[in-house]
Amino acid sequence: MKKTVLMLSLSGVLLTGTAQADTLLGLYMGADGWRTSTDGSFAGNDQQQSFNFTDKTQTSYYVALEHPLPLIPNIRLQHNQLESAGVTALTADLSFAGESFTVDTEVRNQVDLTNTDYVLYYEILDNDLVSLDFGVNGKHINGTVAVAETAADGMAASQRVSQIIPMAYAAAIVGLPLTGLDVFAQGSLISYDGSRLYDMQAGVAYAVLDNLAVDLRVKVGYRAVNLRLDDIDDLYADLNFKGVFAGIELHF
């Protein structure tokens, strides 16, 4: 009997949250510019080498579709540029992509782990004060990691990465009444078999427009991405991208 009551209670929460979603189709479109500092290491085995990276401005674009249909998840697609490069004098021998680089060799190092998020989520709460979403994210990492000696005739090696990694997803917005401001947080996370990935952001937004036709928010915040990869497509890595971002969002 207790189990039945618990299941009915949980079902009621989910259906109530879904019923509070957009009564008509809601379309969200947004873009962010993100100034990142990057640090970390990678190799072709677990003996990783730390590399130097220069700061870079990344871009991110997304679109989300919300609807009032119970039990059918909403969908969000987001494309995230994730690149950095630098020059490093190796502090140890490096094995990478079938090539061996000796200690003290100066190399150009480049990472491109650009990815796309495929998110399915439910709105547990959706009102003028609080919005709360939970779901799953299939993050498709599709890029390359490369090392090349700076010498004109030096050795070069490149490793391609293409994997879809399932992650838990959550997002929250809390409105600040009578100000046009809200605070928000959003993130995806997974940890398994020696690998860990997270993509987290938080900040504040301001409603420039808020009417029946279109809503326009401008936002600023801080975003951090960690990719700890343990033998993902023969790549071992522990890379951090973090920094301040700014963006806009339209809601039709």
Protein backbone atom coordinates (compact mmCIF):
# COMPACT_ATOMS: atom_id res chain seq x y z
CA MET A 1 0.00 0.00 0.00
CA LYS A 2 2.80 2.42 0.92
CA LYS A 3 4.58 1.70 -2.38
CA THR A 4 1.37 2.43 -4.30
CA VAL A 5 0.88 5.75 -2.52
CA LEU A 6 4.51 6.72 -3.20
CA MET A 7 4.24 5.92 -6.91
CA LEU A 8 1.01 7.92 -7.21
CA SER A 9 2.60 10.86 -5.42
CA LEU A 10 5.63 10.87 -7.73
CA SER A 11 3.41 10.58 -10.78
CA GLY A 12 1.38 13.52 -9.57
CA VAL A 13 4.50 15.67 -9.18
CA LEU A 14 5.69 14.86 -12.70
CA LEU A 15 2.31 15.46 -14.30
CA THR A 16 1.78 18.69 -12.38
CA GLY A 17 5.20 19.99 -13.40
CA THR A 18 4.56 19.08 -17.00
CA ALA A 19 1.14 20.71 -16.95
CA GLN A 20 2.78 23.98 -15.94
CA ALA A 21 4.90 24.00 -19.12
CA ASP A 22 4.16 26.18 -22.16
CA THR A 23 0.47 25.93 -22.98
CA LEU A 24 1.50 26.37 -26.62
CA LEU A 25 4.77 25.44 -28.29
CA GLY A 26 7.64 27.47 -26.87
CA LEU A 27 10.79 28.04 -28.93
CA TYR A 28 14.03 29.24 -27.35
CA MET A 29 17.07 30.36 -29.34
CA GLY A 30 20.33 31.65 -27.90
CA ALA A 31 24.02 32.32 -28.46
CA ASP A 32 26.93 32.82 -26.06
CA GLY A 33 30.48 34.11 -26.34
CA TRP A 34 32.79 32.47 -23.79
CA ARG A 35 36.33 33.64 -22.96
CA THR A 36 38.21 30.54 -21.79
CA SER A 37 41.45 29.84 -20.07
CA THR A 38 42.60 26.25 -20.59
CA ASP A 39 44.91 23.95 -18.66
CA GLY A 40 45.51 20.25 -18.46
CA SER A 41 47.23 17.24 -19.92
CA PHE A 42 46.84 14.44 -22.44
CA ALA A 43 48.69 11.47 -23.94
CA GLY A 44 48.17 8.15 -25.69
CA ASN A 45 48.45 6.32 -22.34
CA ASP A 46 48.02 7.12 -18.66
CA GLN A 47 51.44 8.84 -18.51
CA GLN A 48 50.04 12.23 -19.39
CA GLN A 49 52.00 15.39 -20.27
CA SER A 50 50.91 18.86 -19.12
CA PHE A 51 50.65 21.44 -21.91
CA ASN A 52 50.52 25.21 -22.22
CA PHE A 53 47.44 26.79 -23.80
CA THR A 54 46.54 30.34 -24.81
CA ASP A 55 43.22 31.96 -23.88
CA LYS A 56 40.53 31.85 -26.54
CA THR A 57 36.97 33.08 -27.12
CA GLN A 58 34.61 30.19 -27.81
CA THR A 59 31.05 30.30 -29.17
CA SER A 60 27.97 28.33 -28.24
CA TYR A 61 24.57 28.19 -29.98
CA TYR A 62 21.38 26.48 -28.89
CA VAL A 63 17.72 25.95 -29.68
CA ALA A 64 15.09 24.38 -27.41
CA LEU A 65 11.50 23.34 -28.07
CA GLU A 66 9.00 23.04 -25.20
CA HIS A 67 5.42 21.77 -25.37
CA PRO A 68 2.51 20.97 -23.00
CA LEU A 69 2.24 17.23 -23.80
CA PRO A 70 2.53 15.07 -20.65
CA LEU A 71 5.28 12.43 -20.45
CA ILE A 72 6.90 13.49 -23.76
CA PRO A 73 10.22 15.24 -23.05
CA ASN A 74 11.20 18.65 -24.32
CA ILE A 75 14.30 18.86 -26.51
CA ARG A 76 17.35 21.11 -26.49
CA LEU A 77 20.18 21.09 -29.05
CA GLN A 78 23.38 22.99 -28.28
CA HIS A 79 26.62 23.24 -30.26
CA ASN A 80 29.73 24.11 -28.24
CA GLN A 81 33.04 25.20 -29.72
CA LEU A 82 35.88 23.88 -27.53
CA GLU A 83 39.33 24.59 -28.90
CA SER A 84 42.72 25.72 -27.65
CA ALA A 85 46.37 25.62 -28.70
CA GLY A 86 49.82 26.48 -27.41
CA VAL A 87 53.53 25.74 -27.45
CA THR A 88 55.13 23.50 -24.82
CA ALA A 89 58.61 22.19 -24.00
CA LEU A 90 58.00 18.58 -22.96
CA THR A 91 58.99 17.77 -19.38
CA ALA A 92 58.91 14.00 -20.01
CA ASP A 93 58.85 11.54 -22.89
CA LEU A 94 55.46 11.52 -24.61
CA SER A 95 53.70 8.69 -26.43
CA PHE A 96 50.83 9.88 -28.56
CA ALA A 97 48.92 8.56 -31.58
CA GLY A 98 51.59 5.97 -32.32
CA GLU A 99 54.47 8.46 -32.16
CA SER A 100 57.09 9.08 -29.46
CA PHE A 101 58.36 12.54 -28.49
CA THR A 102 61.42 12.91 -26.25
CA VAL A 103 61.80 15.11 -23.18
CA ASP A 104 62.74 18.78 -23.80
CA THR A 105 61.29 18.71 -27.35
CA GLU A 106 59.35 21.89 -28.16
CA VAL A 107 55.96 21.10 -29.65
CA ARG A 108 52.84 22.87 -30.86
CA ASN A 109 49.84 21.33 -29.10
CA GLN A 110 46.24 21.71 -30.19
CA VAL A 111 42.94 20.36 -28.88
CA ASP A 112 39.59 20.57 -30.65
CA LEU A 113 36.93 18.82 -28.59
CA THR A 114 33.99 20.71 -30.10
CA ASN A 115 30.76 18.96 -29.13
CA THR A 116 26.99 18.94 -29.53
CA ASP A 117 24.50 18.36 -26.70
CA TYR A 118 21.31 16.41 -27.43
CA VAL A 119 19.16 17.00 -24.33
CA LEU A 120 15.78 15.47 -23.47
CA TYR A 121 14.26 17.00 -20.35
CA TYR A 122 11.11 17.53 -18.30
CA GLU A 123 9.98 20.76 -16.66
CA ILE A 124 9.33 19.84 -13.04
CA LEU A 125 8.46 23.45 -12.20
CA ASP A 126 7.67 26.31 -14.57
CA ASN A 127 6.23 29.57 -13.20
CA ASP A 128 7.17 33.24 -12.94
CA LEU A 129 9.31 32.62 -9.86
CA VAL A 130 11.00 29.24 -10.31
CA SER A 131 11.82 27.01 -13.28
CA LEU A 132 13.37 23.58 -12.73
CA ASP A 133 14.32 21.04 -15.43
CA PHE A 134 15.74 17.52 -15.24
CA GLY A 135 16.75 15.19 -18.06
CA VAL A 136 19.51 13.40 -19.93
CA ASN A 137 22.15 14.72 -22.30
CA GLY A 138 23.92 12.81 -25.05
CA LYS A 139 27.10 14.88 -25.53
CA HIS A 140 28.66 14.10 -28.91
CA ILE A 141 32.37 14.98 -28.82
CA ASN A 142 33.74 15.16 -32.35
CA GLY A 143 37.24 16.55 -32.82
CA THR A 144 40.98 16.00 -32.81
CA VAL A 145 43.95 16.35 -30.48
CA ALA A 146 47.33 16.97 -32.10
CA VAL A 147 51.02 17.43 -31.29
CA ALA A 148 53.73 18.55 -33.73
CA GLU A 149 57.39 19.40 -33.20
CA THR A 150 58.12 23.08 -33.87
CA ALA A 151 61.15 22.13 -35.98
CA ALA A 152 60.44 22.46 -39.70
CA ASP A 153 60.92 18.76 -40.40
CA GLY A 154 59.67 17.61 -37.00
CA MET A 155 57.37 14.76 -36.14
CA ALA A 156 53.58 15.24 -35.91
CA ALA A 157 50.80 13.11 -34.47
CA SER A 158 47.03 13.51 -34.40
CA GLN A 159 44.29 11.54 -32.64
CA ARG A 160 40.63 11.77 -33.66
CA VAL A 161 37.87 11.52 -31.04
CA SER A 162 34.23 10.80 -31.84
CA GLN A 163 32.04 9.59 -28.98
CA ILE A 164 28.52 10.15 -27.67
CA ILE A 165 28.67 10.27 -23.87
CA PRO A 166 25.43 10.05 -21.81
CA MET A 167 25.17 12.59 -18.98
CA ALA A 168 22.65 13.71 -16.37
CA TYR A 169 21.20 17.18 -17.05
CA ALA A 170 19.61 19.82 -14.79
CA ALA A 171 18.74 23.51 -15.11
CA ALA A 172 17.16 26.06 -12.79
CA ILE A 173 16.05 29.70 -13.00
CA VAL A 174 14.94 31.79 -10.01
CA GLY A 175 13.27 35.12 -10.78
CA LEU A 176 13.86 38.23 -8.70
CA PRO A 177 10.42 39.90 -8.50
CA LEU A 178 9.95 43.47 -9.79
CA THR A 179 13.53 43.69 -11.10
CA GLY A 180 13.49 41.98 -14.51
CA LEU A 181 16.45 39.95 -13.24
CA ASP A 182 16.85 36.23 -12.65
CA VAL A 183 19.67 33.95 -11.54
CA PHE A 184 20.25 30.70 -13.37
CA ALA A 185 22.33 27.53 -13.25
CA GLN A 186 22.67 24.69 -15.74
CA GLY A 187 24.84 21.63 -15.98
CA SER A 188 25.55 18.14 -17.26
CA LEU A 189 27.61 15.53 -15.38
CA ILE A 190 28.82 11.93 -15.65
CA SER A 191 31.48 9.86 -13.92
CA TYR A 192 32.33 6.26 -14.87
CA ASP A 193 35.27 3.84 -15.36
CA GLY A 194 37.94 6.43 -14.55
CA SER A 195 36.40 9.08 -16.81
CA ARG A 196 34.56 12.20 -15.59
CA LEU A 197 32.92 14.95 -17.58
CA TYR A 198 31.04 18.02 -16.45
CA ASP A 199 29.78 21.16 -18.16
CA MET A 200 28.49 23.70 -15.62
CA GLN A 201 27.43 27.34 -15.80
CA ALA A 202 25.74 29.90 -13.57
CA GLY A 203 24.96 33.59 -13.86
CA VAL A 204 22.42 36.38 -13.94
CA ALA A 205 20.06 37.48 -16.74
CA TYR A 206 17.96 40.56 -17.46
CA ALA A 207 14.70 40.66 -19.43
CA VAL A 208 15.13 43.40 -22.03
CA LEU A 209 11.79 42.49 -23.66
CA ASP A 210 8.92 40.60 -22.06
CA ASN A 211 5.66 40.54 -24.01
CA LEU A 212 3.25 38.15 -25.71
CA ALA A 213 5.17 38.12 -29.00
CA VAL A 214 8.77 37.61 -27.88
CA ASP A 215 10.95 37.63 -24.77
CA LEU A 216 14.58 38.74 -24.93
CA ARG A 217 17.09 38.06 -22.14
CA VAL A 218 20.70 39.16 -21.94
CA LYS A 219 22.91 37.18 -19.59
CA VAL A 220 26.39 37.00 -18.11
CA GLY A 221 27.95 34.23 -16.07
CA TYR A 222 30.76 31.80 -15.48
CA ARG A 223 31.17 28.44 -17.19
CA ALA A 224 33.50 25.52 -16.42
CA VAL A 225 34.05 22.34 -18.45
CA ASN A 226 36.20 19.40 -17.36
CA LEU A 227 37.01 16.45 -19.63
CA ARG A 228 38.76 13.64 -17.80
CA LEU A 229 38.96 10.93 -20.44
CA ASP A 230 40.33 7.48 -19.64
CA ASP A 231 41.05 5.66 -22.90
CA ILE A 232 38.28 7.28 -24.95
CA ASP A 233 39.18 6.50 -28.58
CA ASP A 234 42.78 5.82 -27.37
CA LEU A 235 42.95 9.26 -25.74
CA TYR A 236 43.84 9.88 -22.10
CA ALA A 237 43.21 13.48 -21.04
CA ASP A 238 42.37 15.77 -18.15
CA LEU A 239 41.49 19.18 -19.60
CA ASN A 240 39.79 22.20 -18.04
CA PHE A 241 38.11 25.08 -19.86
CA LYS A 242 36.75 27.92 -17.71
CA GLY A 243 35.88 31.58 -17.86
CA VAL A 244 33.26 34.31 -18.13
CA PHE A 245 30.57 34.26 -20.83
CA ALA A 246 27.89 36.63 -22.12
CA GLY A 247 24.93 35.88 -24.35
CA ILE A 248 21.39 36.56 -25.50
CA GLU A 249 18.26 34.40 -25.58
CA LEU A 250 15.00 34.78 -27.51
CA HIS A 251 11.77 33.08 -26.50
CA PHE A 252 8.89 32.94 -28.99
